[in-house]
């Protein structure tokens, strides 16, 4: 399995309802830059699964447009969901998930067979994990700053 993990982009501060928080202008722009650089450097997956929360769905839609991929809603990716159990039963072997912290770190560590959380994702951070869920390998974990700067020739 190839599992691409993308944390949602920068969103509005919490006002009343966490579910409805939208991406900021800066968040949308950074997400587009990150995904464009990703598309230049890596082979994309075949489908994107997104948390039902607005900021994750907006991030997934940006990625889907730029990568020409379908997006499916996945309740297991909402905060507190059990995305690992869902992933183990997923027939698709080449996918991207868009969600939230600390759930994405938990998913990545469980995919790698780790009992402790040793990874974390910045907003618009990206990772590729490969192998069988529970015994996978980390191929790369990139911050949005690295992705944006490496795409513009800066370091």
N, C-alpha and C. Protein backbone atom coordinates (compact mmCIF):
# COMPACT_ATOMS: atom_id res chain seq x y z
N UNK A 1 0.84 -1.18 0.00
CA UNK A 1 0.00 0.00 0.00
C UNK A 1 0.89 1.25 0.00
N UNK A 2 0.45 2.26 -0.74
CA UNK A 2 1.07 3.58 -0.69
C UNK A 2 0.06 4.52 -0.04
N UNK A 3 0.45 5.09 1.08
CA UNK A 3 -0.41 5.99 1.83
C UNK A 3 0.22 7.37 1.89
N UNK A 4 -0.40 8.32 1.21
CA UNK A 4 0.00 9.72 1.30
C UNK A 4 -0.86 10.37 2.38
N UNK A 5 -0.23 11.10 3.28
CA UNK A 5 -0.94 11.78 4.35
C UNK A 5 -0.72 13.28 4.19
N UNK A 6 -1.82 14.04 4.18
CA UNK A 6 -1.77 15.49 4.06
C UNK A 6 -2.61 16.10 5.19
N UNK A 7 -1.97 16.91 6.00
CA UNK A 7 -2.74 17.62 7.04
C UNK A 7 -3.44 18.82 6.39
N UNK A 8 -4.62 19.14 6.88
CA UNK A 8 -5.34 20.30 6.34
C UNK A 8 -4.49 21.55 6.42
N UNK A 9 -4.82 22.52 5.57
CA UNK A 9 -4.09 23.79 5.52
C UNK A 9 -4.51 24.70 6.67
N UNK A 10 -3.89 25.87 6.74
CA UNK A 10 -4.16 26.85 7.80
C UNK A 10 -5.63 27.25 7.74
N UNK A 11 -6.29 27.20 8.89
CA UNK A 11 -7.72 27.50 8.98
C UNK A 11 -7.97 28.67 9.93
N UNK A 12 -9.19 29.16 9.87
CA UNK A 12 -9.62 30.23 10.76
C UNK A 12 -9.48 29.78 12.21
N UNK A 13 -9.34 30.75 13.09
CA UNK A 13 -9.34 30.45 14.52
C UNK A 13 -10.72 29.94 14.92
N UNK A 14 -10.75 29.14 15.95
CA UNK A 14 -12.03 28.62 16.45
C UNK A 14 -12.88 29.75 16.99
N UNK A 15 -14.07 29.88 16.44
CA UNK A 15 -15.00 30.90 16.91
C UNK A 15 -16.10 30.23 17.72
N UNK A 16 -16.86 29.34 17.08
CA UNK A 16 -17.93 28.67 17.82
C UNK A 16 -17.96 27.18 17.53
N UNK A 17 -17.84 26.79 16.26
CA UNK A 17 -17.98 25.39 15.88
C UNK A 17 -16.75 24.92 15.12
N UNK A 18 -16.03 23.99 15.68
CA UNK A 18 -14.81 23.47 15.06
C UNK A 18 -15.09 22.84 13.70
N UNK A 19 -16.25 22.23 13.53
CA UNK A 19 -16.59 21.53 12.29
C UNK A 19 -16.56 22.47 11.09
N UNK A 20 -17.00 23.70 11.26
CA UNK A 20 -17.19 24.63 10.15
C UNK A 20 -16.02 25.57 9.89
N UNK A 21 -14.91 25.41 10.59
CA UNK A 21 -13.76 26.30 10.34
C UNK A 21 -13.27 26.15 8.91
N UNK A 22 -13.09 27.29 8.24
CA UNK A 22 -12.69 27.31 6.83
C UNK A 22 -11.20 27.66 6.72
N UNK A 23 -10.63 27.36 5.55
CA UNK A 23 -9.25 27.73 5.29
C UNK A 23 -9.13 29.25 5.15
N UNK A 24 -8.02 29.78 5.59
CA UNK A 24 -7.74 31.19 5.39
C UNK A 24 -7.23 31.39 3.97
N UNK A 25 -7.13 32.63 3.54
CA UNK A 25 -6.57 32.93 2.23
C UNK A 25 -5.13 32.40 2.16
N UNK A 26 -4.36 32.65 3.22
CA UNK A 26 -2.99 32.16 3.28
C UNK A 26 -2.96 30.63 3.24
N UNK A 27 -3.88 29.99 3.95
CA UNK A 27 -3.93 28.53 3.97
C UNK A 27 -4.20 27.95 2.59
N UNK A 28 -5.15 28.54 1.86
CA UNK A 28 -5.46 28.07 0.51
C UNK A 28 -4.26 28.26 -0.42
N UNK A 29 -3.61 29.41 -0.33
CA UNK A 29 -2.46 29.70 -1.20
C UNK A 29 -1.30 28.74 -0.90
N UNK A 30 -1.01 28.53 0.38
CA UNK A 30 0.09 27.63 0.74
C UNK A 30 -0.23 26.20 0.30
N UNK A 31 -1.46 25.78 0.49
CA UNK A 31 -1.86 24.43 0.08
C UNK A 31 -1.67 24.26 -1.43
N UNK A 32 -2.08 25.24 -2.22
CA UNK A 32 -1.88 25.14 -3.67
C UNK A 32 -0.40 25.03 -4.02
N UNK A 33 0.45 25.83 -3.36
CA UNK A 33 1.90 25.76 -3.64
C UNK A 33 2.46 24.40 -3.27
N UNK A 34 2.06 23.89 -2.11
CA UNK A 34 2.55 22.58 -1.64
C UNK A 34 2.13 21.48 -2.62
N UNK A 35 0.87 21.46 -3.01
CA UNK A 35 0.38 20.39 -3.89
C UNK A 35 0.99 20.51 -5.29
N UNK A 36 1.17 21.74 -5.78
CA UNK A 36 1.82 21.90 -7.10
C UNK A 36 3.24 21.34 -7.07
N UNK A 37 3.97 21.64 -6.00
CA UNK A 37 5.34 21.10 -5.89
C UNK A 37 5.31 19.58 -5.78
N UNK A 38 4.40 19.08 -4.98
CA UNK A 38 4.24 17.63 -4.85
C UNK A 38 4.00 17.00 -6.22
N UNK A 39 3.12 17.60 -7.02
CA UNK A 39 2.77 17.06 -8.34
C UNK A 39 3.97 17.05 -9.28
N UNK A 40 4.87 18.01 -9.13
CA UNK A 40 6.08 18.04 -9.98
C UNK A 40 7.09 16.97 -9.60
N UNK A 41 7.07 16.56 -8.35
CA UNK A 41 8.13 15.69 -7.83
C UNK A 41 7.73 14.23 -7.61
N UNK A 42 6.43 13.98 -7.44
CA UNK A 42 6.01 12.64 -7.03
C UNK A 42 4.84 12.15 -7.88
N UNK A 43 4.75 10.86 -8.02
CA UNK A 43 3.61 10.23 -8.69
C UNK A 43 2.40 10.30 -7.75
N UNK A 44 1.29 10.88 -8.20
CA UNK A 44 0.15 11.03 -7.30
C UNK A 44 -0.58 9.71 -7.05
N UNK A 45 -1.38 9.68 -5.99
CA UNK A 45 -2.20 8.49 -5.72
C UNK A 45 -3.38 8.43 -6.70
N UNK A 46 -4.28 7.51 -6.47
CA UNK A 46 -5.44 7.35 -7.37
C UNK A 46 -6.72 7.96 -6.81
N UNK A 47 -6.76 8.23 -5.51
CA UNK A 47 -7.97 8.76 -4.88
C UNK A 47 -7.58 9.49 -3.59
N UNK A 48 -8.42 10.44 -3.20
CA UNK A 48 -8.24 11.18 -1.95
C UNK A 48 -9.45 10.92 -1.05
N UNK A 49 -9.16 10.62 0.22
CA UNK A 49 -10.20 10.49 1.24
C UNK A 49 -10.02 11.64 2.22
N UNK A 50 -11.13 12.27 2.61
CA UNK A 50 -11.05 13.45 3.46
C UNK A 50 -11.95 13.33 4.68
N UNK A 51 -11.48 13.90 5.76
CA UNK A 51 -12.32 14.13 6.94
C UNK A 51 -13.52 14.95 6.49
N UNK A 52 -14.66 14.79 7.17
CA UNK A 52 -15.83 15.58 6.81
C UNK A 52 -15.77 17.04 7.26
N UNK A 53 -14.80 17.43 8.09
CA UNK A 53 -14.73 18.81 8.54
C UNK A 53 -14.37 19.75 7.39
N UNK A 54 -14.92 20.94 7.42
CA UNK A 54 -14.83 21.87 6.29
C UNK A 54 -13.38 22.12 5.86
N UNK A 55 -12.48 22.40 6.81
CA UNK A 55 -11.10 22.74 6.44
C UNK A 55 -10.39 21.58 5.75
N UNK A 56 -10.69 20.36 6.16
CA UNK A 56 -10.09 19.19 5.50
C UNK A 56 -10.69 18.99 4.11
N UNK A 57 -12.00 19.16 3.99
CA UNK A 57 -12.64 19.02 2.68
C UNK A 57 -12.13 20.06 1.71
N UNK A 58 -11.93 21.30 2.18
CA UNK A 58 -11.39 22.35 1.31
C UNK A 58 -9.97 22.00 0.88
N UNK A 59 -9.15 21.52 1.78
CA UNK A 59 -7.78 21.10 1.45
C UNK A 59 -7.81 19.97 0.43
N UNK A 60 -8.67 18.99 0.66
CA UNK A 60 -8.77 17.85 -0.26
C UNK A 60 -9.24 18.30 -1.65
N UNK A 61 -10.16 19.24 -1.70
CA UNK A 61 -10.64 19.73 -3.00
C UNK A 61 -9.53 20.45 -3.76
N UNK A 62 -8.70 21.22 -3.06
CA UNK A 62 -7.56 21.87 -3.72
C UNK A 62 -6.64 20.82 -4.31
N UNK A 63 -6.30 19.81 -3.52
CA UNK A 63 -5.43 18.73 -4.01
C UNK A 63 -6.07 17.99 -5.17
N UNK A 64 -7.35 17.72 -5.06
CA UNK A 64 -8.05 16.97 -6.10
C UNK A 64 -8.05 17.73 -7.43
N UNK A 65 -8.28 19.03 -7.37
CA UNK A 65 -8.28 19.83 -8.60
C UNK A 65 -6.90 19.83 -9.25
N UNK A 66 -5.87 20.02 -8.45
CA UNK A 66 -4.51 20.11 -8.99
C UNK A 66 -3.97 18.76 -9.45
N UNK A 67 -4.43 17.68 -8.85
CA UNK A 67 -3.96 16.33 -9.19
C UNK A 67 -4.94 15.57 -10.08
N UNK A 68 -6.09 16.17 -10.34
CA UNK A 68 -7.14 15.55 -11.15
C UNK A 68 -7.56 14.19 -10.56
N UNK A 69 -7.95 14.23 -9.30
CA UNK A 69 -8.33 13.01 -8.57
C UNK A 69 -9.72 13.16 -7.97
N UNK A 70 -10.41 12.04 -7.77
CA UNK A 70 -11.68 12.09 -7.04
C UNK A 70 -11.44 12.21 -5.54
N UNK A 71 -12.43 12.78 -4.85
CA UNK A 71 -12.37 12.90 -3.39
C UNK A 71 -13.58 12.19 -2.80
N UNK A 72 -13.35 11.43 -1.75
CA UNK A 72 -14.43 10.76 -1.03
C UNK A 72 -14.37 11.18 0.44
N UNK A 73 -15.53 11.36 1.03
CA UNK A 73 -15.64 11.68 2.45
C UNK A 73 -15.38 10.42 3.25
N UNK A 74 -14.68 10.57 4.37
CA UNK A 74 -14.38 9.43 5.23
C UNK A 74 -14.54 9.85 6.69
N UNK A 75 -15.60 9.37 7.32
CA UNK A 75 -15.86 9.74 8.71
C UNK A 75 -14.78 9.24 9.67
N UNK A 76 -14.05 8.20 9.29
CA UNK A 76 -12.98 7.69 10.14
C UNK A 76 -11.83 8.69 10.27
N UNK A 77 -11.77 9.68 9.38
CA UNK A 77 -10.71 10.69 9.42
C UNK A 77 -11.08 11.93 10.23
N UNK A 78 -12.30 11.98 10.76
CA UNK A 78 -12.65 13.13 11.61
C UNK A 78 -11.93 13.00 12.94
N UNK A 79 -11.76 14.10 13.65
CA UNK A 79 -11.05 14.03 14.93
C UNK A 79 -11.64 12.97 15.86
N UNK A 80 -10.76 12.14 16.39
CA UNK A 80 -11.18 11.06 17.28
C UNK A 80 -11.60 9.79 16.57
N UNK A 81 -11.62 9.80 15.23
CA UNK A 81 -11.99 8.60 14.47
C UNK A 81 -10.88 7.56 14.47
N UNK A 82 -11.21 6.35 14.06
CA UNK A 82 -10.21 5.28 14.00
C UNK A 82 -9.85 5.01 12.54
N UNK A 83 -9.02 5.87 12.00
CA UNK A 83 -8.63 5.76 10.59
C UNK A 83 -7.80 4.51 10.33
N UNK A 84 -7.07 4.03 11.33
CA UNK A 84 -6.24 2.84 11.10
C UNK A 84 -7.09 1.62 10.82
N UNK A 85 -8.15 1.41 11.58
CA UNK A 85 -9.03 0.26 11.34
C UNK A 85 -9.69 0.38 9.97
N UNK A 86 -10.13 1.58 9.61
CA UNK A 86 -10.70 1.82 8.28
C UNK A 86 -9.67 1.49 7.20
N UNK A 87 -8.43 1.96 7.39
CA UNK A 87 -7.38 1.77 6.40
C UNK A 87 -7.06 0.30 6.19
N UNK A 88 -7.04 -0.49 7.26
CA UNK A 88 -6.73 -1.92 7.13
C UNK A 88 -7.74 -2.63 6.25
N UNK A 89 -8.96 -2.13 6.19
CA UNK A 89 -10.01 -2.76 5.38
C UNK A 89 -10.22 -2.06 4.05
N UNK A 90 -9.34 -1.14 3.70
CA UNK A 90 -9.47 -0.35 2.48
C UNK A 90 -8.92 -1.15 1.29
N UNK A 91 -9.76 -1.39 0.26
CA UNK A 91 -9.26 -2.14 -0.90
C UNK A 91 -8.30 -1.34 -1.77
N UNK A 92 -8.39 -0.02 -1.75
CA UNK A 92 -7.50 0.83 -2.55
C UNK A 92 -6.09 0.74 -1.98
N UNK A 93 -5.11 0.55 -2.84
CA UNK A 93 -3.73 0.38 -2.40
C UNK A 93 -2.85 1.60 -2.65
N UNK A 94 -3.44 2.70 -3.16
CA UNK A 94 -2.67 3.89 -3.53
C UNK A 94 -3.56 5.10 -3.27
N UNK A 95 -3.49 5.66 -2.05
CA UNK A 95 -4.45 6.67 -1.67
C UNK A 95 -3.83 7.79 -0.85
N UNK A 96 -4.56 8.90 -0.79
CA UNK A 96 -4.19 10.04 0.04
C UNK A 96 -5.31 10.25 1.05
N UNK A 97 -4.92 10.58 2.27
CA UNK A 97 -5.89 10.96 3.29
C UNK A 97 -5.60 12.38 3.73
N UNK A 98 -6.67 13.13 3.99
CA UNK A 98 -6.57 14.51 4.47
C UNK A 98 -7.32 14.59 5.79
N UNK A 99 -6.64 15.06 6.82
CA UNK A 99 -7.28 15.10 8.12
C UNK A 99 -6.61 16.05 9.09
N UNK A 100 -6.55 15.64 10.36
CA UNK A 100 -6.24 16.53 11.49
C UNK A 100 -5.19 15.91 12.40
N UNK A 101 -4.57 16.77 13.18
CA UNK A 101 -3.67 16.34 14.23
C UNK A 101 -4.45 16.27 15.54
N UNK A 102 -4.12 15.38 16.44
CA UNK A 102 -3.03 14.42 16.40
C UNK A 102 -3.40 13.10 15.70
N UNK A 103 -4.58 13.06 15.11
CA UNK A 103 -5.07 11.81 14.52
C UNK A 103 -4.19 11.31 13.37
N UNK A 104 -3.68 12.24 12.53
CA UNK A 104 -2.83 11.79 11.43
C UNK A 104 -1.50 11.24 11.93
N UNK A 105 -0.95 11.84 12.97
CA UNK A 105 0.28 11.30 13.56
C UNK A 105 0.03 9.91 14.14
N UNK A 106 -1.11 9.75 14.78
CA UNK A 106 -1.47 8.45 15.35
C UNK A 106 -1.62 7.41 14.23
N UNK A 107 -2.29 7.79 13.13
CA UNK A 107 -2.45 6.90 11.99
C UNK A 107 -1.10 6.50 11.42
N UNK A 108 -0.22 7.49 11.21
CA UNK A 108 1.09 7.20 10.64
C UNK A 108 1.89 6.26 11.54
N UNK A 109 1.90 6.52 12.82
CA UNK A 109 2.67 5.68 13.74
C UNK A 109 2.11 4.26 13.80
N UNK A 110 0.80 4.12 13.81
CA UNK A 110 0.20 2.78 13.80
C UNK A 110 0.51 2.07 12.48
N UNK A 111 0.47 2.79 11.36
CA UNK A 111 0.81 2.20 10.07
C UNK A 111 2.24 1.66 10.10
N UNK A 112 3.13 2.40 10.76
CA UNK A 112 4.54 2.00 10.85
C UNK A 112 4.78 0.93 11.92
N UNK A 113 3.77 0.60 12.70
CA UNK A 113 3.92 -0.41 13.74
C UNK A 113 4.54 0.14 15.02
N UNK A 114 4.47 1.44 15.21
CA UNK A 114 5.05 2.07 16.40
C UNK A 114 4.01 2.21 17.50
N UNK A 115 4.43 2.01 18.73
CA UNK A 115 3.49 2.14 19.84
C UNK A 115 3.45 3.57 20.39
N UNK A 116 4.47 4.36 20.11
CA UNK A 116 4.52 5.75 20.58
C UNK A 116 4.36 6.69 19.38
N UNK A 117 3.80 7.86 19.66
CA UNK A 117 3.69 8.88 18.61
C UNK A 117 5.02 9.62 18.51
N UNK A 118 5.71 9.41 17.42
CA UNK A 118 7.02 10.04 17.23
C UNK A 118 7.03 10.97 16.01
N UNK A 119 5.91 11.13 15.34
CA UNK A 119 5.80 12.00 14.18
C UNK A 119 4.76 13.07 14.45
N UNK A 120 4.87 14.18 13.76
CA UNK A 120 3.81 15.19 13.80
C UNK A 120 3.76 15.89 12.45
N UNK A 121 2.60 16.40 12.12
CA UNK A 121 2.37 17.05 10.84
C UNK A 121 2.06 18.52 11.03
N UNK A 122 2.80 19.38 10.35
CA UNK A 122 2.47 20.80 10.28
C UNK A 122 1.25 20.94 9.37
N UNK A 123 0.59 22.08 9.43
CA UNK A 123 -0.53 22.33 8.52
C UNK A 123 0.01 22.36 7.10
N UNK A 124 -0.61 21.60 6.21
CA UNK A 124 -0.18 21.35 4.83
C UNK A 124 1.08 20.49 4.76
N UNK A 125 1.42 19.81 5.86
CA UNK A 125 2.54 18.86 5.85
C UNK A 125 2.12 17.59 5.14
N UNK A 126 3.10 16.91 4.56
CA UNK A 126 2.86 15.76 3.69
C UNK A 126 3.76 14.60 4.09
N UNK A 127 3.29 13.38 3.92
CA UNK A 127 4.13 12.20 4.15
C UNK A 127 3.73 11.10 3.19
N UNK A 128 4.67 10.22 2.91
CA UNK A 128 4.41 8.99 2.17
C UNK A 128 4.86 7.82 3.01
N UNK A 129 3.93 6.89 3.22
CA UNK A 129 4.23 5.65 3.91
C UNK A 129 3.91 4.51 2.95
N UNK A 130 4.70 3.46 2.99
CA UNK A 130 4.47 2.31 2.11
C UNK A 130 4.56 1.03 2.90
N UNK A 131 3.85 0.01 2.40
CA UNK A 131 3.90 -1.31 3.01
C UNK A 131 2.55 -1.73 3.53
N UNK A 132 2.59 -2.71 4.40
CA UNK A 132 1.36 -3.21 5.02
C UNK A 132 1.05 -2.42 6.27
N UNK A 133 -0.23 -2.07 6.48
CA UNK A 133 -0.58 -1.36 7.72
C UNK A 133 -0.14 -2.15 8.95
N UNK A 134 0.59 -1.49 9.82
CA UNK A 134 1.13 -2.13 11.02
C UNK A 134 2.57 -2.55 10.87
N UNK A 135 3.08 -2.56 9.64
CA UNK A 135 4.47 -2.93 9.38
C UNK A 135 5.03 -2.12 8.22
N UNK A 136 4.56 -0.89 8.07
CA UNK A 136 4.96 -0.05 6.95
C UNK A 136 6.28 0.66 7.17
N UNK A 137 6.69 1.41 6.15
CA UNK A 137 7.93 2.18 6.19
C UNK A 137 7.63 3.62 5.82
N UNK A 138 8.32 4.54 6.49
CA UNK A 138 8.22 5.95 6.17
C UNK A 138 9.17 6.24 5.02
N UNK A 139 8.64 6.74 3.90
CA UNK A 139 9.47 7.11 2.75
C UNK A 139 9.93 8.55 2.86
N UNK A 140 9.00 9.44 3.23
CA UNK A 140 9.35 10.84 3.48
C UNK A 140 8.27 11.53 4.28
N UNK A 141 8.69 12.56 4.99
CA UNK A 141 7.81 13.43 5.77
C UNK A 141 8.33 14.84 5.53
N UNK A 142 7.51 15.68 4.87
CA UNK A 142 7.97 16.99 4.44
C UNK A 142 7.09 18.09 5.04
N UNK A 143 7.75 19.14 5.48
CA UNK A 143 7.02 20.30 5.99
C UNK A 143 6.58 21.16 4.81
N UNK A 144 5.52 21.95 4.99
CA UNK A 144 5.11 22.84 3.90
C UNK A 144 6.20 23.85 3.56
N UNK A 145 6.95 24.30 4.56
CA UNK A 145 8.04 25.27 4.30
C UNK A 145 9.07 24.66 3.35
N UNK A 146 9.44 23.41 3.60
CA UNK A 146 10.42 22.76 2.74
C UNK A 146 9.85 22.60 1.33
N UNK A 147 8.60 22.15 1.23
CA UNK A 147 8.00 21.94 -0.09
C UNK A 147 7.90 23.25 -0.86
N UNK A 148 7.47 24.31 -0.22
CA UNK A 148 7.32 25.60 -0.90
C UNK A 148 8.69 26.16 -1.28
N UNK A 149 9.65 26.14 -0.35
CA UNK A 149 10.98 26.69 -0.63
C UNK A 149 11.74 25.89 -1.65
N UNK A 150 11.63 24.57 -1.63
CA UNK A 150 12.36 23.75 -2.61
C UNK A 150 11.78 23.94 -3.99
N UNK A 151 10.50 24.27 -4.08
CA UNK A 151 9.89 24.53 -5.38
C UNK A 151 10.29 25.87 -5.96
N UNK A 152 10.75 26.80 -5.12
CA UNK A 152 11.13 28.13 -5.62
C UNK A 152 12.62 28.30 -5.71
N UNK A 153 13.39 27.25 -5.42
CA UNK A 153 14.85 27.33 -5.48
C UNK A 153 15.46 27.84 -4.19
N UNK A 154 14.68 28.18 -3.16
CA UNK A 154 15.22 28.63 -1.89
C UNK A 154 15.43 27.45 -0.97
N UNK A 155 16.31 27.58 -0.02
CA UNK A 155 16.51 26.54 1.00
C UNK A 155 16.66 27.17 2.35
